[in-house]
N, C-alpha and C. Protein backbone atom coordinates (compact mmCIF):
# COMPACT_ATOMS: atom_id res chain seq x y z
N UNK A 1 128.72 102.04 110.37
CA UNK A 1 127.55 103.59 110.77
C UNK A 1 128.10 104.61 110.11
N UNK A 2 127.97 105.37 109.81
CA UNK A 2 128.38 106.57 109.24
C UNK A 2 128.03 107.53 110.79
N UNK A 3 129.17 108.22 110.65
CA UNK A 3 129.32 109.37 111.97
C UNK A 3 128.06 110.07 111.66
N UNK A 4 127.29 110.53 111.03
CA UNK A 4 125.99 111.10 110.91
C UNK A 4 124.88 110.17 111.98
N UNK A 5 124.81 108.97 111.69
CA UNK A 5 124.20 107.97 112.08
C UNK A 5 124.37 107.53 113.44
N UNK A 6 125.61 107.97 113.83
CA UNK A 6 125.87 107.50 115.25
C UNK A 6 125.54 108.89 115.91
N UNK A 7 125.67 109.99 115.61
CA UNK A 7 125.03 111.03 116.18
C UNK A 7 123.29 111.16 116.45
N UNK A 8 122.87 110.45 115.84
CA UNK A 8 121.08 110.36 115.60
C UNK A 8 121.06 109.69 116.97
N UNK A 9 119.70 110.62 117.45
CA UNK A 9 118.97 109.93 118.89
C UNK A 9 118.28 109.27 118.32
N UNK A 10 118.06 108.35 119.66
CA UNK A 10 117.07 107.04 119.08
C UNK A 10 115.59 107.69 118.47
N UNK A 11 115.36 108.62 119.05
CA UNK A 11 114.10 109.23 118.74
C UNK A 11 113.94 109.64 117.44
N UNK A 12 115.31 110.72 117.16
CA UNK A 12 115.35 111.25 115.81
C UNK A 12 115.27 110.27 114.94
N UNK A 13 115.50 108.90 114.93
CA UNK A 13 115.59 108.14 113.77
C UNK A 13 114.01 107.73 113.43
N UNK A 14 113.12 107.67 114.01
CA UNK A 14 111.94 107.45 114.10
C UNK A 14 111.05 108.66 113.64
N UNK A 15 111.52 109.70 113.78
CA UNK A 15 110.64 111.27 113.78
C UNK A 15 110.19 111.33 112.67
N UNK A 16 109.16 111.60 112.03
CA UNK A 16 108.35 111.88 110.56
C UNK A 16 107.82 113.09 110.85
N UNK A 17 108.01 113.30 109.40
CA UNK A 17 107.53 114.92 109.06
C UNK A 17 106.75 114.58 107.68
N UNK A 18 106.22 115.56 107.46
CA UNK A 18 105.66 115.83 106.19
C UNK A 18 105.92 116.84 104.93
N UNK A 19 106.07 115.97 103.70
CA UNK A 19 106.20 117.46 102.77
C UNK A 19 105.48 117.45 101.74
N UNK A 20 104.93 118.51 101.81
CA UNK A 20 103.86 119.18 100.64
C UNK A 20 104.44 120.16 99.44
N UNK A 21 103.47 119.82 98.48
CA UNK A 21 103.49 120.81 97.48
C UNK A 21 102.32 121.00 97.05
N UNK A 22 102.05 121.98 96.66
CA UNK A 22 100.54 122.42 96.27
C UNK A 22 100.64 123.76 95.40
N UNK A 23 99.35 124.00 94.41
CA UNK A 23 99.49 125.27 93.88
C UNK A 23 98.46 126.24 95.00
N UNK A 24 98.70 127.43 95.33
CA UNK A 24 97.94 128.47 96.13
C UNK A 24 96.77 128.94 95.06
N UNK A 25 95.46 128.55 95.58
CA UNK A 25 94.78 129.73 94.38
C UNK A 25 94.07 130.52 95.42
N UNK A 26 94.26 131.91 94.83
CA UNK A 26 93.37 133.05 95.81
C UNK A 26 92.21 133.44 95.45
N UNK A 27 91.22 133.67 96.77
CA UNK A 27 90.07 133.07 96.47
C UNK A 27 89.42 135.10 96.81
N UNK A 28 89.03 135.29 95.98
CA UNK A 28 88.57 136.73 95.79
C UNK A 28 87.09 137.17 96.11
N UNK A 29 86.41 135.84 95.91
CA UNK A 29 84.87 135.74 96.21
C UNK A 29 84.68 136.74 97.69
N UNK A 30 84.02 137.71 97.75
CA UNK A 30 83.50 138.55 98.71
C UNK A 30 82.58 137.69 99.73
N UNK A 31 81.45 136.97 99.17
CA UNK A 31 80.64 136.10 100.05
C UNK A 31 81.46 135.17 101.05
N UNK A 32 82.78 134.42 99.97
CA UNK A 32 83.36 133.46 100.65
C UNK A 32 84.19 134.09 102.58
N UNK A 33 84.83 135.57 101.51
CA UNK A 33 85.66 136.39 102.97
C UNK A 33 84.40 136.68 104.11
N UNK A 34 83.37 137.19 103.74
CA UNK A 34 82.30 137.47 104.64
C UNK A 34 82.01 135.88 105.33
N UNK A 35 81.70 134.99 104.70
CA UNK A 35 81.42 133.86 105.69
C UNK A 35 82.78 133.42 106.51
N UNK A 36 83.55 133.31 106.33
CA UNK A 36 85.06 132.96 107.14
C UNK A 36 85.10 133.91 108.33
N UNK A 37 85.15 135.12 107.85
CA UNK A 37 85.11 136.32 108.76
C UNK A 37 83.88 136.14 109.89
N UNK A 38 82.63 135.54 109.25
CA UNK A 38 81.41 135.57 110.47
C UNK A 38 81.87 134.22 111.64
N UNK A 39 82.76 132.96 110.60
CA UNK A 39 82.75 132.11 111.62
C UNK A 39 84.22 132.06 112.36
N UNK A 40 84.87 132.65 112.52
CA UNK A 40 86.25 133.09 113.01
C UNK A 40 85.89 134.32 114.09
N UNK A 41 86.29 134.26 115.28
CA UNK A 41 86.33 135.44 115.81
C UNK A 41 87.50 135.88 115.87
N UNK A 42 88.76 135.29 115.66
CA UNK A 42 90.04 135.74 115.51
C UNK A 42 90.24 136.72 113.91
N UNK A 43 89.81 136.10 113.25
CA UNK A 43 89.54 136.69 112.06
C UNK A 43 88.69 138.01 111.93
N UNK A 44 87.73 137.78 112.38
CA UNK A 44 86.31 138.98 112.61
C UNK A 44 87.67 140.29 113.31
N UNK A 45 88.01 140.07 114.36
CA UNK A 45 89.05 140.69 115.09
C UNK A 45 90.05 141.48 114.43
N UNK A 46 90.80 140.39 113.69
CA UNK A 46 92.19 140.63 113.48
C UNK A 46 91.79 141.91 112.19
N UNK A 47 90.95 141.57 111.34
CA UNK A 47 90.60 142.49 110.24
C UNK A 47 89.58 143.29 110.58
N UNK A 48 89.18 143.56 111.53
CA UNK A 48 88.47 144.56 111.80
C UNK A 48 86.51 144.48 111.10
N UNK A 49 86.21 143.33 111.46
CA UNK A 49 85.30 143.02 110.78
C UNK A 49 84.99 143.10 109.25
N UNK A 50 86.01 143.54 108.30
CA UNK A 50 85.77 144.17 107.34
C UNK A 50 86.50 143.24 106.19
N UNK A 51 85.93 142.60 105.48
CA UNK A 51 85.99 141.63 104.45
C UNK A 51 86.93 142.33 103.11
N UNK A 52 86.94 143.38 103.03
CA UNK A 52 87.62 143.75 102.18
C UNK A 52 88.86 144.41 102.70
N UNK A 53 88.95 144.23 103.93
CA UNK A 53 90.52 144.59 104.64
C UNK A 53 91.70 143.91 103.45
N UNK A 54 92.52 145.16 102.87
CA UNK A 54 93.89 145.01 102.19
C UNK A 54 94.79 143.65 102.26
N UNK A 55 94.66 143.16 103.81
CA UNK A 55 95.86 142.63 104.39
C UNK A 55 94.66 140.96 104.47
N UNK A 56 93.47 141.01 104.45
CA UNK A 56 92.80 139.70 104.83
C UNK A 56 92.31 138.95 103.47
N UNK A 57 93.54 137.98 103.11
CA UNK A 57 93.27 137.23 101.81
C UNK A 57 93.21 135.85 102.09
N UNK A 58 92.51 135.11 101.28
CA UNK A 58 91.78 133.48 101.42
C UNK A 58 92.41 132.76 100.34
N UNK A 59 92.89 131.60 100.65
CA UNK A 59 93.38 130.96 99.53
C UNK A 59 93.36 129.38 99.72
N UNK A 60 92.92 128.63 98.68
CA UNK A 60 93.14 127.21 98.95
C UNK A 60 93.70 126.46 98.22
N UNK A 61 94.45 125.43 98.35
CA UNK A 61 95.11 124.62 98.09
C UNK A 61 94.58 123.49 96.85
N UNK A 62 95.30 123.26 95.65
CA UNK A 62 95.16 122.43 94.49
C UNK A 62 95.93 121.88 94.13
N UNK A 63 96.01 120.33 93.74
CA UNK A 63 97.04 119.64 92.98
C UNK A 63 98.10 119.06 94.06
N UNK A 64 97.24 119.01 95.31
CA UNK A 64 98.06 118.36 96.37
C UNK A 64 99.08 117.31 96.27
N UNK A 65 100.60 117.32 96.61
CA UNK A 65 100.98 116.12 96.57
C UNK A 65 102.19 116.52 97.55
N UNK A 66 102.10 115.30 98.27
CA UNK A 66 103.68 115.18 99.58
C UNK A 66 103.92 113.43 99.55
N UNK A 67 104.62 113.60 100.84
CA UNK A 67 105.28 112.23 101.42
C UNK A 67 105.44 112.61 102.76
N UNK A 68 105.38 111.14 103.47
CA UNK A 68 105.54 110.83 104.89
C UNK A 68 106.91 110.58 104.80
N UNK A 69 107.73 111.26 105.44
CA UNK A 69 109.12 110.88 105.75
C UNK A 69 109.50 110.69 106.89
N UNK A 70 110.89 110.13 106.79
CA UNK A 70 111.86 109.82 107.86
C UNK A 70 113.13 109.61 107.38
N UNK A 71 113.86 109.65 108.55
CA UNK A 71 115.44 109.48 107.95
C UNK A 71 115.84 108.72 107.00
N UNK A 72 114.93 107.78 106.87
CA UNK A 72 115.19 106.42 105.61
C UNK A 72 115.86 106.51 104.71
N UNK A 73 115.41 107.77 103.91
CA UNK A 73 116.23 107.85 102.76
C UNK A 73 117.19 109.13 102.86
N UNK A 74 117.65 109.35 103.73
CA UNK A 74 118.60 110.20 104.04
C UNK A 74 120.03 109.54 103.37
N UNK A 75 121.14 110.13 102.47
CA UNK A 75 121.81 109.40 101.98
C UNK A 75 122.95 108.77 102.87
N UNK A 76 123.42 107.22 102.47
CA UNK A 76 124.27 107.17 103.68
C UNK A 76 123.36 106.20 104.75
N UNK A 77 122.22 106.60 104.73
CA UNK A 77 121.89 105.53 106.25
C UNK A 77 120.42 104.78 105.38
N UNK A 78 120.19 104.86 104.00
CA UNK A 78 119.15 103.67 103.29
C UNK A 78 118.95 102.50 103.47
N UNK A 79 120.18 102.13 103.95
CA UNK A 79 120.72 100.58 103.95
C UNK A 79 119.90 99.89 105.61
N UNK A 80 119.66 100.87 106.38
CA UNK A 80 119.29 100.78 107.72
C UNK A 80 117.81 100.07 107.63
N UNK A 81 117.49 99.00 107.81
CA UNK A 81 116.47 98.42 108.17
C UNK A 81 115.14 98.72 109.14
N UNK A 82 115.83 99.73 110.04
CA UNK A 82 114.90 100.56 110.76
C UNK A 82 113.94 101.83 110.37
N UNK A 83 114.61 102.19 109.11
CA UNK A 83 114.31 103.54 108.47
C UNK A 83 113.45 102.79 107.67
N UNK A 84 112.09 103.96 107.68
CA UNK A 84 111.10 103.49 106.55
C UNK A 84 111.15 104.02 105.21
N UNK A 85 110.63 103.96 104.16
CA UNK A 85 110.92 104.37 103.09
C UNK A 85 109.75 105.75 103.05
N UNK A 86 109.66 106.75 102.18
CA UNK A 86 108.85 107.80 102.18
C UNK A 86 107.45 107.20 101.67
N UNK A 87 106.26 107.56 102.29
CA UNK A 87 105.00 107.03 102.03
C UNK A 87 104.39 108.39 100.90
N UNK A 88 104.18 108.36 99.53
CA UNK A 88 103.81 109.63 98.97
C UNK A 88 102.51 109.22 98.60
N UNK A 89 101.61 110.49 98.79
CA UNK A 89 100.22 110.78 98.45
C UNK A 89 99.90 111.94 97.25
N UNK A 90 98.51 112.17 97.01
CA UNK A 90 98.34 113.54 96.48
C UNK A 90 96.85 113.71 96.69
N UNK A 91 96.51 114.31 96.10
CA UNK A 91 94.50 114.78 96.30
C UNK A 91 94.33 115.96 95.89
């Protein structure tokens, strides 16, 4: 067992994280911005009920790819049976 593996806490071995990559597409449609402003009290307050506020930006993600990971594919630990391999996905 490597020194790094010995130092891992039991719950750290099974801790899972998500890694994502995507293209951010900024939405400039004023009607979309107004709908968001109407439906979110915090957005409404933060941007002073002004859908054209210069700091108010709306975006969506496309070409999303990612993986669910744990320490199973960290170099030197990959031979441990209790580590899962990454689960990849896209949508």
